C-alpha cells in the first residue's frame, strides 16, 4: 500500500470514530470501499442470523435482493461465512462451483462478475460479512484484498457495536412491555406487582409461551392468553387471574 492509501485509511478511521451512530458508521464503511478499492463497484454489510439474512448497509439496492436470493437458493458468500467463518474471493461468479445458481443470477440480474467477502463477526448462531463486488471478471487483485481486509476491520467493529445496541434495545423493549402488562393486572385486579408477575410467569410456563409474547398480547388485547396460543386448551380469561392463588395471597 502506498502512502496516500495509508493516509486515506487514517483519515477514514478518525471520521468513523466520530460518526453519530453505528448504522451511519457502516454506511460510511461501504461507501469507503467503493471510493478506495480500485476494483470495487458496490459493497454491502450483511448479517446471517439463524434462517435470516439482514442487509445492514449497502451502496447498491440490488445487493439487498442478492442477499435474499441466498436464502431462496440456500447458497452464497454470507451463508458460507456463517458455516465456515472465513473470507472468500470469487473472481468469476458465473463459473464458481461453490454457488453455481446464485453466482449466475448475480451476474444476470445485477451485472456484478466477481466479489470479495470478508467475515466480520462470528458467534454460535450469527455471522456478518462485508462483500465487495466488481462488474469485471478478475476484478480484484492481491492489493485489493489487503485493502479490503483493512476496511473489514472497521466494519467488524461497527457491526459488533450495532448488534450489541440492538440486543440492548430489544431487552429494554421487552422489560417495558412486561412492566406494562404487569401494570394492567395490578390495576384490574388490585394485586401486588410480584403477584401479577407470578401469574404471567405461570401461564407462560403452563402454555409454553415466551413471557414477553404473553405480555405483548395482554397489552394489545386486554386478554392474558390467545386461544390460538394455548395448544387447543380453553381460553385463560383475565378473570382467572383474580381467582388464582397467587393473586389472592397477601
C-alpha atoms as a PDB file:
ATOM      1  CA  UNK A   1       0.000   0.000   0.000  1.00  0.00           C
ATOM      2  CA  UNK A   2       1.286   3.453  -0.823  1.00  0.00           C
ATOM      3  CA  UNK A   3       1.463   6.480   1.460  1.00  0.00           C
ATOM      4  CA  UNK A   4      -1.693   8.076   0.040  1.00  0.00           C
ATOM      5  CA  UNK A   5      -3.748   4.994   0.828  1.00  0.00           C
ATOM      6  CA  UNK A   6      -2.396   4.802   4.375  1.00  0.00           C
ATOM      7  CA  UNK A   7      -3.325   8.445   4.856  1.00  0.00           C
ATOM      8  CA  UNK A   8      -6.793   7.744   3.445  1.00  0.00           C
ATOM      9  CA  UNK A   9      -7.328   4.956   5.974  1.00  0.00           C
ATOM     10  CA  UNK A  10      -6.084   7.132   8.837  1.00  0.00           C
ATOM     11  CA  UNK A  11      -8.456   9.933   7.852  1.00  0.00           C
ATOM     12  CA  UNK A  12     -11.324   7.453   7.491  1.00  0.00           C
ATOM     13  CA  UNK A  13     -10.652   5.948  10.918  1.00  0.00           C
ATOM     14  CA  UNK A  14     -10.848   9.389  12.512  1.00  0.00           C
ATOM     15  CA  UNK A  15     -14.106  10.142  10.689  1.00  0.00           C
ATOM     16  CA  UNK A  16     -15.661   6.805  11.634  1.00  0.00           C
ATOM     17  CA  UNK A  17     -14.804   7.360  15.286  1.00  0.00           C
ATOM     18  CA  UNK A  18     -16.963  10.497  15.263  1.00  0.00           C
ATOM     19  CA  UNK A  19     -19.970   9.117  13.404  1.00  0.00           C
ATOM     20  CA  UNK A  20     -23.256   9.743  15.271  1.00  0.00           C
ATOM     21  CA  UNK A  21     -24.408   6.105  15.147  1.00  0.00           C
ATOM     22  CA  UNK A  22     -23.219   2.593  14.373  1.00  0.00           C
ATOM     23  CA  UNK A  23     -25.569   2.403  11.387  1.00  0.00           C
ATOM     24  CA  UNK A  24     -24.031   5.577   9.954  1.00  0.00           C
ATOM     25  CA  UNK A  25     -20.588   4.091  10.508  1.00  0.00           C
ATOM     26  CA  UNK A  26     -21.462   1.039   8.403  1.00  0.00           C
ATOM     27  CA  UNK A  27     -22.885   3.275   5.667  1.00  0.00           C
ATOM     28  CA  UNK A  28     -19.588   5.140   5.671  1.00  0.00           C
ATOM     29  CA  UNK A  29     -17.565   1.900   5.514  1.00  0.00           C
ATOM     30  CA  UNK A  30     -19.349   0.568   2.418  1.00  0.00           C
ATOM     31  CA  UNK A  31     -19.024   3.944   0.692  1.00  0.00           C
ATOM     32  CA  UNK A  32     -15.319   3.969   1.534  1.00  0.00           C
ATOM     33  CA  UNK A  33     -14.916   0.535  -0.080  1.00  0.00           C
ATOM     34  CA  UNK A  34     -16.151   1.907  -3.408  1.00  0.00           C
ATOM     35  CA  UNK A  35     -14.053   5.057  -3.085  1.00  0.00           C
ATOM     36  CA  UNK A  36     -10.783   3.446  -2.019  1.00  0.00           C
ATOM     37  CA  UNK A  37     -10.636  -0.050  -3.567  1.00  0.00           C
ATOM     38  CA  UNK A  38      -9.982   0.381  -7.318  1.00  0.00           C
ATOM     39  CA  UNK A  39     -11.866  -2.729  -8.458  1.00  0.00           C
ATOM     40  CA  UNK A  40     -14.929  -2.208  -6.225  1.00  0.00           C
ATOM     41  CA  UNK A  41     -18.176  -1.021  -7.841  1.00  0.00           C
ATOM     42  CA  UNK A  42     -20.528  -1.820  -4.934  1.00  0.00           C
ATOM     43  CA  UNK A  43     -20.315  -3.016  -1.342  1.00  0.00           C
ATOM     44  CA  UNK A  44     -22.627  -4.183   1.407  1.00  0.00           C
ATOM     45  CA  UNK A  45     -22.647  -5.332   5.030  1.00  0.00           C
ATOM     46  CA  UNK A  46     -24.976  -8.198   5.887  1.00  0.00           C
ATOM     47  CA  UNK A  47     -25.555 -10.445   8.873  1.00  0.00           C
ATOM     48  CA  UNK A  48     -26.807 -14.019   8.760  1.00  0.00           C
ATOM     49  CA  UNK A  49     -28.742 -14.901  11.893  1.00  0.00           C
ATOM     50  CA  UNK A  50     -30.316 -18.330  12.006  1.00  0.00           C
ATOM     51  CA  UNK A  51     -32.573 -18.637   8.950  1.00  0.00           C
ATOM     52  CA  UNK A  52     -32.459 -14.943   8.069  1.00  0.00           C
ATOM     53  CA  UNK A  53     -30.101 -12.552   6.271  1.00  0.00           C
ATOM     54  CA  UNK A  54     -30.348  -8.842   7.003  1.00  0.00           C
ATOM     55  CA  UNK A  55     -28.651  -6.240   4.824  1.00  0.00           C
ATOM     56  CA  UNK A  56     -27.480  -3.521   7.200  1.00  0.00           C
ATOM     57  CA  UNK A  57     -25.715  -1.166   4.772  1.00  0.00           C
ATOM     58  CA  UNK A  58     -25.197  -1.094   1.021  1.00  0.00           C
ATOM     59  CA  UNK A  59     -24.173   1.213  -1.806  1.00  0.00           C
ATOM     60  CA  UNK A  60     -26.466  -0.548  -4.303  1.00  0.00           C
ATOM     61  CA  UNK A  61     -30.069  -1.619  -3.647  1.00  0.00           C
ATOM     62  CA  UNK A  62     -29.673  -4.641  -5.915  1.00  0.00           C
ATOM     63  CA  UNK A  63     -27.433  -6.192  -3.244  1.00  0.00           C
ATOM     64  CA  UNK A  64     -30.435  -6.440  -0.904  1.00  0.00           C
ATOM     65  CA  UNK A  65     -32.158  -8.630  -3.493  1.00  0.00           C
ATOM     66  CA  UNK A  66     -28.994 -10.705  -3.928  1.00  0.00           C
ATOM     67  CA  UNK A  67     -28.795 -11.249  -0.154  1.00  0.00           C
ATOM     68  CA  UNK A  68     -32.368 -12.550  -0.035  1.00  0.00           C
ATOM     69  CA  UNK A  69     -31.662 -14.724  -3.078  1.00  0.00           C
ATOM     70  CA  UNK A  70     -29.053 -16.548  -0.974  1.00  0.00           C
ATOM     71  CA  UNK A  71     -31.868 -17.659   1.343  1.00  0.00           C
ATOM     72  CA  UNK A  72     -34.059 -18.743  -1.553  1.00  0.00           C
ATOM     73  CA  UNK A  73     -31.295 -20.799  -3.187  1.00  0.00           C
ATOM     74  CA  UNK A  74     -29.510 -21.878   0.006  1.00  0.00           C
ATOM     75  CA  UNK A  75     -26.094 -20.750  -1.229  1.00  0.00           C
ATOM     76  CA  UNK A  76     -23.898 -17.655  -1.318  1.00  0.00           C
ATOM     77  CA  UNK A  77     -20.973 -15.930   0.423  1.00  0.00           C
ATOM     78  CA  UNK A  78     -22.854 -14.758   3.523  1.00  0.00           C
ATOM     79  CA  UNK A  79     -24.310 -18.219   4.151  1.00  0.00           C
ATOM     80  CA  UNK A  80     -20.857 -19.711   3.600  1.00  0.00           C
ATOM     81  CA  UNK A  81     -19.375 -17.313   6.137  1.00  0.00           C
ATOM     82  CA  UNK A  82     -22.000 -18.429   8.646  1.00  0.00           C
ATOM     83  CA  UNK A  83     -20.842 -22.030   8.307  1.00  0.00           C
ATOM     84  CA  UNK A  84     -17.110 -21.714   7.603  1.00  0.00           C
ATOM     85  CA  UNK A  85     -16.201 -18.480   9.445  1.00  0.00           C
ATOM     86  CA  UNK A  86     -13.785 -17.398   6.720  1.00  0.00           C
ATOM     87  CA  UNK A  87     -13.373 -14.809   3.988  1.00  0.00           C
ATOM     88  CA  UNK A  88     -13.619 -15.832   0.336  1.00  0.00           C
ATOM     89  CA  UNK A  89     -12.667 -14.434  -3.068  1.00  0.00           C
ATOM     90  CA  UNK A  90     -14.560 -15.247  -6.240  1.00  0.00           C
ATOM     91  CA  UNK A  91     -13.100 -13.801  -9.437  1.00  0.00           C
ATOM     92  CA  UNK A  92     -15.652 -15.315 -11.832  1.00  0.00           C
ATOM     93  CA  UNK A  93     -19.115 -15.554 -10.329  1.00  0.00           C
ATOM     94  CA  UNK A  94     -20.679 -17.073 -13.427  1.00  0.00           C
ATOM     95  CA  UNK A  95     -18.402 -20.128 -13.179  1.00  0.00           C
ATOM     96  CA  UNK A  96     -17.882 -20.570  -9.430  1.00  0.00           C
ATOM     97  CA  UNK A  97     -18.689 -24.112  -8.278  1.00  0.00           C
ATOM     98  CA  UNK A  98     -19.423 -23.028  -4.685  1.00  0.00           C
ATOM     99  CA  UNK A  99     -22.573 -21.084  -5.596  1.00  0.00           C
ATOM    100  CA  UNK A 100     -23.483 -22.190  -9.142  1.00  0.00           C
ATOM    101  CA  UNK A 101     -27.075 -20.935  -9.138  1.00  0.00           C
ATOM    102  CA  UNK A 102     -26.569 -17.816  -7.031  1.00  0.00           C
ATOM    103  CA  UNK A 103     -23.447 -16.713  -8.910  1.00  0.00           C
ATOM    104  CA  UNK A 104     -25.129 -16.887 -12.303  1.00  0.00           C
ATOM    105  CA  UNK A 105     -28.160 -14.990 -11.010  1.00  0.00           C
ATOM    106  CA  UNK A 106     -25.930 -12.225  -9.615  1.00  0.00           C
ATOM    107  CA  UNK A 107     -24.231 -11.794 -12.981  1.00  0.00           C
ATOM    108  CA  UNK A 108     -27.529 -11.824 -14.880  1.00  0.00           C
ATOM    109  CA  UNK A 109     -29.565  -9.621 -12.550  1.00  0.00           C
ATOM    110  CA  UNK A 110     -27.071  -7.173 -11.033  1.00  0.00           C
ATOM    111  CA  UNK A 111     -24.230  -7.148 -13.558  1.00  0.00           C
ATOM    112  CA  UNK A 112     -21.527  -7.927 -10.988  1.00  0.00           C
ATOM    113  CA  UNK A 113     -18.993 -10.521 -12.080  1.00  0.00           C
ATOM    114  CA  UNK A 114     -16.613 -11.007  -9.129  1.00  0.00           C
ATOM    115  CA  UNK A 115     -16.525 -10.427  -5.382  1.00  0.00           C
ATOM    116  CA  UNK A 116     -14.521 -10.477  -2.173  1.00  0.00           C
ATOM    117  CA  UNK A 117     -16.359 -11.495   1.010  1.00  0.00           C
ATOM    118  CA  UNK A 118     -14.846 -10.798   4.436  1.00  0.00           C
ATOM    119  CA  UNK A 119     -16.118 -12.443   7.618  1.00  0.00           C
ATOM    120  CA  UNK A 120     -16.733  -9.700  10.185  1.00  0.00           C
ATOM    121  CA  UNK A 121     -18.323 -11.205  13.263  1.00  0.00           C
ATOM    122  CA  UNK A 122     -18.996 -14.734  14.410  1.00  0.00           C
ATOM    123  CA  UNK A 123     -20.911 -16.241  17.303  1.00  0.00           C
ATOM    124  CA  UNK A 124     -22.680 -19.554  17.811  1.00  0.00           C
ATOM    125  CA  UNK A 125     -25.612 -18.542  15.608  1.00  0.00           C
ATOM    126  CA  UNK A 126     -24.700 -15.480  13.551  1.00  0.00           C
ATOM    127  CA  UNK A 127     -22.052 -14.189  11.187  1.00  0.00           C
ATOM    128  CA  UNK A 128     -21.527 -10.868   9.435  1.00  0.00           C
ATOM    129  CA  UNK A 129     -19.922 -10.194   6.073  1.00  0.00           C
ATOM    130  CA  UNK A 130     -18.537  -7.247   4.165  1.00  0.00           C
ATOM    131  CA  UNK A 131     -18.897  -8.073   0.467  1.00  0.00           C
ATOM    132  CA  UNK A 132     -17.179  -6.038  -2.262  1.00  0.00           C
ATOM    133  CA  UNK A 133     -18.465  -6.504  -5.821  1.00  0.00           C
ATOM    134  CA  UNK A 134     -16.857  -5.718  -9.184  1.00  0.00           C
ATOM    135  CA  UNK A 135     -18.564  -5.577 -12.571  1.00  0.00           C
ATOM    136  CA  UNK A 136     -15.456  -7.086 -14.163  1.00  0.00           C
ATOM    137  CA  UNK A 137     -14.290 -10.693 -14.151  1.00  0.00           C
ATOM    138  CA  UNK A 138     -10.987 -10.927 -12.252  1.00  0.00           C
ATOM    139  CA  UNK A 139     -11.955  -7.546 -10.868  1.00  0.00           C
ATOM    140  CA  UNK A 140      -9.768  -7.719  -7.753  1.00  0.00           C
ATOM    141  CA  UNK A 141      -6.041  -8.252  -7.248  1.00  0.00           C
ATOM    142  CA  UNK A 142      -3.909  -9.035  -4.214  1.00  0.00           C
ATOM    143  CA  UNK A 143      -3.603  -5.377  -3.215  1.00  0.00           C
ATOM    144  CA  UNK A 144      -7.397  -5.011  -3.333  1.00  0.00           C
ATOM    145  CA  UNK A 145      -7.612  -7.999  -0.993  1.00  0.00           C
ATOM    146  CA  UNK A 146      -5.256  -6.380   1.506  1.00  0.00           C
ATOM    147  CA  UNK A 147      -7.146  -3.092   1.363  1.00  0.00           C
ATOM    148  CA  UNK A 148     -10.438  -4.914   1.805  1.00  0.00           C
ATOM    149  CA  UNK A 149      -9.135  -6.672   4.904  1.00  0.00           C
ATOM    150  CA  UNK A 150      -8.273  -3.334   6.486  1.00  0.00           C
ATOM    151  CA  UNK A 151     -11.733  -1.944   5.733  1.00  0.00           C
ATOM    152  CA  UNK A 152     -13.308  -5.144   7.035  1.00  0.00           C
ATOM    153  CA  UNK A 153     -11.670  -4.442  10.386  1.00  0.00           C
ATOM    154  CA  UNK A 154     -13.527  -1.122  10.570  1.00  0.00           C
ATOM    155  CA  UNK A 155     -16.798  -2.752   9.521  1.00  0.00           C
ATOM    156  CA  UNK A 156     -16.356  -5.535  12.087  1.00  0.00           C
ATOM    157  CA  UNK A 157     -16.127  -3.044  14.955  1.00  0.00           C
ATOM    158  CA  UNK A 158     -19.216  -1.200  13.722  1.00  0.00           C
ATOM    159  CA  UNK A 159     -21.174  -4.452  13.258  1.00  0.00           C
ATOM    160  CA  UNK A 160     -20.328  -5.770  16.732  1.00  0.00           C
ATOM    161  CA  UNK A 161     -21.424  -2.441  18.230  1.00  0.00           C
ATOM    162  CA  UNK A 162     -24.613  -2.451  16.133  1.00  0.00           C
ATOM    163  CA  UNK A 163     -25.604  -5.971  17.228  1.00  0.00           C
ATOM    164  CA  UNK A 164     -24.903  -5.099  20.863  1.00  0.00           C
ATOM    165  CA  UNK A 165     -27.023  -1.974  20.521  1.00  0.00           C
ATOM    166  CA  UNK A 166     -29.886  -3.998  19.026  1.00  0.00           C
ATOM    167  CA  UNK A 167     -29.694  -6.543  21.850  1.00  0.00           C
ATOM    168  CA  UNK A 168     -29.816  -3.801  24.481  1.00  0.00           C
ATOM    169  CA  UNK A 169     -32.727  -2.099  22.723  1.00  0.00           C
ATOM    170  CA  UNK A 170     -34.646  -5.369  22.472  1.00  0.00           C
ATOM    171  CA  UNK A 171     -34.018  -6.140  26.136  1.00  0.00           C
ATOM    172  CA  UNK A 172     -35.287  -2.687  27.124  1.00  0.00           C
ATOM    173  CA  UNK A 173     -38.399  -3.065  24.972  1.00  0.00           C
ATOM    174  CA  UNK A 174     -39.079  -6.495  26.482  1.00  0.00           C
ATOM    175  CA  UNK A 175     -38.779  -5.152  30.032  1.00  0.00           C
ATOM    176  CA  UNK A 176     -41.063  -2.243  29.137  1.00  0.00           C
ATOM    177  CA  UNK A 177     -43.876  -4.381  27.726  1.00  0.00           C
ATOM    178  CA  UNK A 178     -43.690  -6.829  30.656  1.00  0.00           C
ATOM    179  CA  UNK A 179     -43.946  -3.857  33.001  1.00  0.00           C
ATOM    180  CA  UNK A 180     -46.988  -2.567  31.102  1.00  0.00           C
ATOM    181  CA  UNK A 181     -48.681  -5.976  31.261  1.00  0.00           C
ATOM    182  CA  UNK A 182     -47.961  -6.255  34.972  1.00  0.00           C
ATOM    183  CA  UNK A 183     -49.468  -2.793  35.467  1.00  0.00           C
ATOM    184  CA  UNK A 184     -52.663  -3.861  33.699  1.00  0.00           C
ATOM    185  CA  UNK A 185     -53.116  -6.824  36.046  1.00  0.00           C
ATOM    186  CA  UNK A 186     -52.335  -4.710  39.109  1.00  0.00           C
ATOM    187  CA  UNK A 187     -54.914  -2.075  38.151  1.00  0.00           C
ATOM    188  CA  UNK A 188     -57.574  -4.549  37.028  1.00  0.00           C
ATOM    189  CA  UNK A 189     -57.423  -6.923  39.984  1.00  0.00           C
ATOM    190  CA  UNK A 190     -55.758  -4.969  42.756  1.00  0.00           C
ATOM    191  CA  UNK A 191     -52.910  -7.447  43.135  1.00  0.00           C
ATOM    192  CA  UNK A 192     -49.323  -6.702  44.087  1.00  0.00           C
ATOM    193  CA  UNK A 193     -46.595  -6.418  41.415  1.00  0.00           C
ATOM    194  CA  UNK A 194     -44.908  -9.695  42.378  1.00  0.00           C
ATOM    195  CA  UNK A 195     -48.273 -11.494  42.311  1.00  0.00           C
ATOM    196  CA  UNK A 196     -49.125 -10.160  38.849  1.00  0.00           C
ATOM    197  CA  UNK A 197     -45.730 -11.203  37.537  1.00  0.00           C
ATOM    198  CA  UNK A 198     -46.078 -14.659  39.139  1.00  0.00           C
ATOM    199  CA  UNK A 199     -49.386 -15.208  37.344  1.00  0.00           C
ATOM    200  CA  UNK A 200     -47.920 -14.249  33.953  1.00  0.00           C
ATOM    201  CA  UNK A 201     -44.909 -16.466  34.529  1.00  0.00           C
ATOM    202  CA  UNK A 202     -47.102 -19.437  35.469  1.00  0.00           C
ATOM    203  CA  UNK A 203     -49.314 -19.020  32.383  1.00  0.00           C
ATOM    204  CA  UNK A 204     -46.149 -18.690  30.274  1.00  0.00           C
ATOM    205  CA  UNK A 205     -44.766 -21.960  31.631  1.00  0.00           C
ATOM    206  CA  UNK A 206     -48.043 -23.884  31.515  1.00  0.00           C
ATOM    207  CA  UNK A 207     -48.733 -22.974  27.888  1.00  0.00           C
ATOM    208  CA  UNK A 208     -45.106 -22.900  26.705  1.00  0.00           C
ATOM    209  CA  UNK A 209     -45.325 -19.282  25.538  1.00  0.00           C
ATOM    210  CA  UNK A 210     -42.479 -16.836  25.984  1.00  0.00           C
ATOM    211  CA  UNK A 211     -43.210 -14.307  28.688  1.00  0.00           C
ATOM    212  CA  UNK A 212     -42.680 -11.243  26.505  1.00  0.00           C
ATOM    213  CA  UNK A 213     -45.100 -12.593  23.861  1.00  0.00           C
ATOM    214  CA  UNK A 214     -47.711 -13.191  26.542  1.00  0.00           C
ATOM    215  CA  UNK A 215     -47.184  -9.660  27.848  1.00  0.00           C
ATOM    216  CA  UNK A 216     -47.446  -8.155  24.355  1.00  0.00           C
ATOM    217  CA  UNK A 217     -50.756  -9.928  23.790  1.00  0.00           C
ATOM    218  CA  UNK A 218     -52.174  -8.668  27.090  1.00  0.00           C
ATOM    219  CA  UNK A 219     -51.095  -5.092  26.369  1.00  0.00           C
ATOM    220  CA  UNK A 220     -52.562  -5.156  22.848  1.00  0.00           C
ATOM    221  CA  UNK A 221     -55.834  -7.029  23.530  1.00  0.00           C
ATOM    222  CA  UNK A 222     -56.521  -6.913  27.266  1.00  0.00           C
ATOM    223  CA  UNK A 223     -56.683 -10.740  27.303  1.00  0.00           C
ATOM    224  CA  UNK A 224     -53.978 -12.735  29.020  1.00  0.00           C
ATOM    225  CA  UNK A 225     -53.919 -15.653  26.579  1.00  0.00           C
ATOM    226  CA  UNK A 226     -54.946 -16.095  22.961  1.00  0.00           C
ATOM    227  CA  UNK A 227     -56.768 -19.412  22.288  1.00  0.00           C
ATOM    228  CA  UNK A 228     -54.557 -19.982  19.223  1.00  0.00           C
ATOM    229  CA  UNK A 229     -51.509 -19.972  21.506  1.00  0.00           C
ATOM    230  CA  UNK A 230     -52.886 -22.398  24.049  1.00  0.00           C
ATOM    231  CA  UNK A 231     -52.461 -25.657  22.074  1.00  0.00           C
ATOM    232  CA  UNK A 232     -56.225 -26.262  21.957  1.00  0.00           C
ATOM    233  CA  UNK A 233     -56.846 -25.695  25.663  1.00  0.00           C
ATOM    234  CA  UNK A 234     -59.545 -23.376  26.948  1.00  0.00           C
ATOM    235  CA  UNK A 235     -59.012 -19.634  26.923  1.00  0.00           C
ATOM    236  CA  UNK A 236     -57.327 -18.205  30.012  1.00  0.00           C
ATOM    237  CA  UNK A 237     -59.507 -15.164  30.639  1.00  0.00           C
ATOM    238  CA  UNK A 238     -58.244 -12.279  32.660  1.00  0.00           C
ATOM    239  CA  UNK A 239     -60.900 -13.061  35.271  1.00  0.00           C
ATOM    240  CA  UNK A 240     -58.944 -16.205  36.112  1.00  0.00           C
ATOM    241  CA  UNK A 241     -56.147 -14.026  37.395  1.00  0.00           C
ATOM    242  CA  UNK A 242     -58.294 -12.822  40.247  1.00  0.00           C
ATOM    243  CA  UNK A 243     -59.166 -16.390  41.196  1.00  0.00           C
ATOM    244  CA  UNK A 244     -55.600 -17.675  41.179  1.00  0.00           C
ATOM    245  CA  UNK A 245     -53.876 -18.477  44.493  1.00  0.00           C
ATOM    246  CA  UNK A 246     -51.040 -16.114  43.581  1.00  0.00           C
ATOM    247  CA  UNK A 247     -53.425 -13.215  43.187  1.00  0.00           C
ATOM    248  CA  UNK A 248     -55.302 -13.969  46.409  1.00  0.00           C
ATOM    249  CA  UNK A 249     -52.315 -14.191  48.720  1.00  0.00           C
ATOM    250  CA  UNK A 250     -51.483 -11.176  50.852  1.00  0.00           C
END
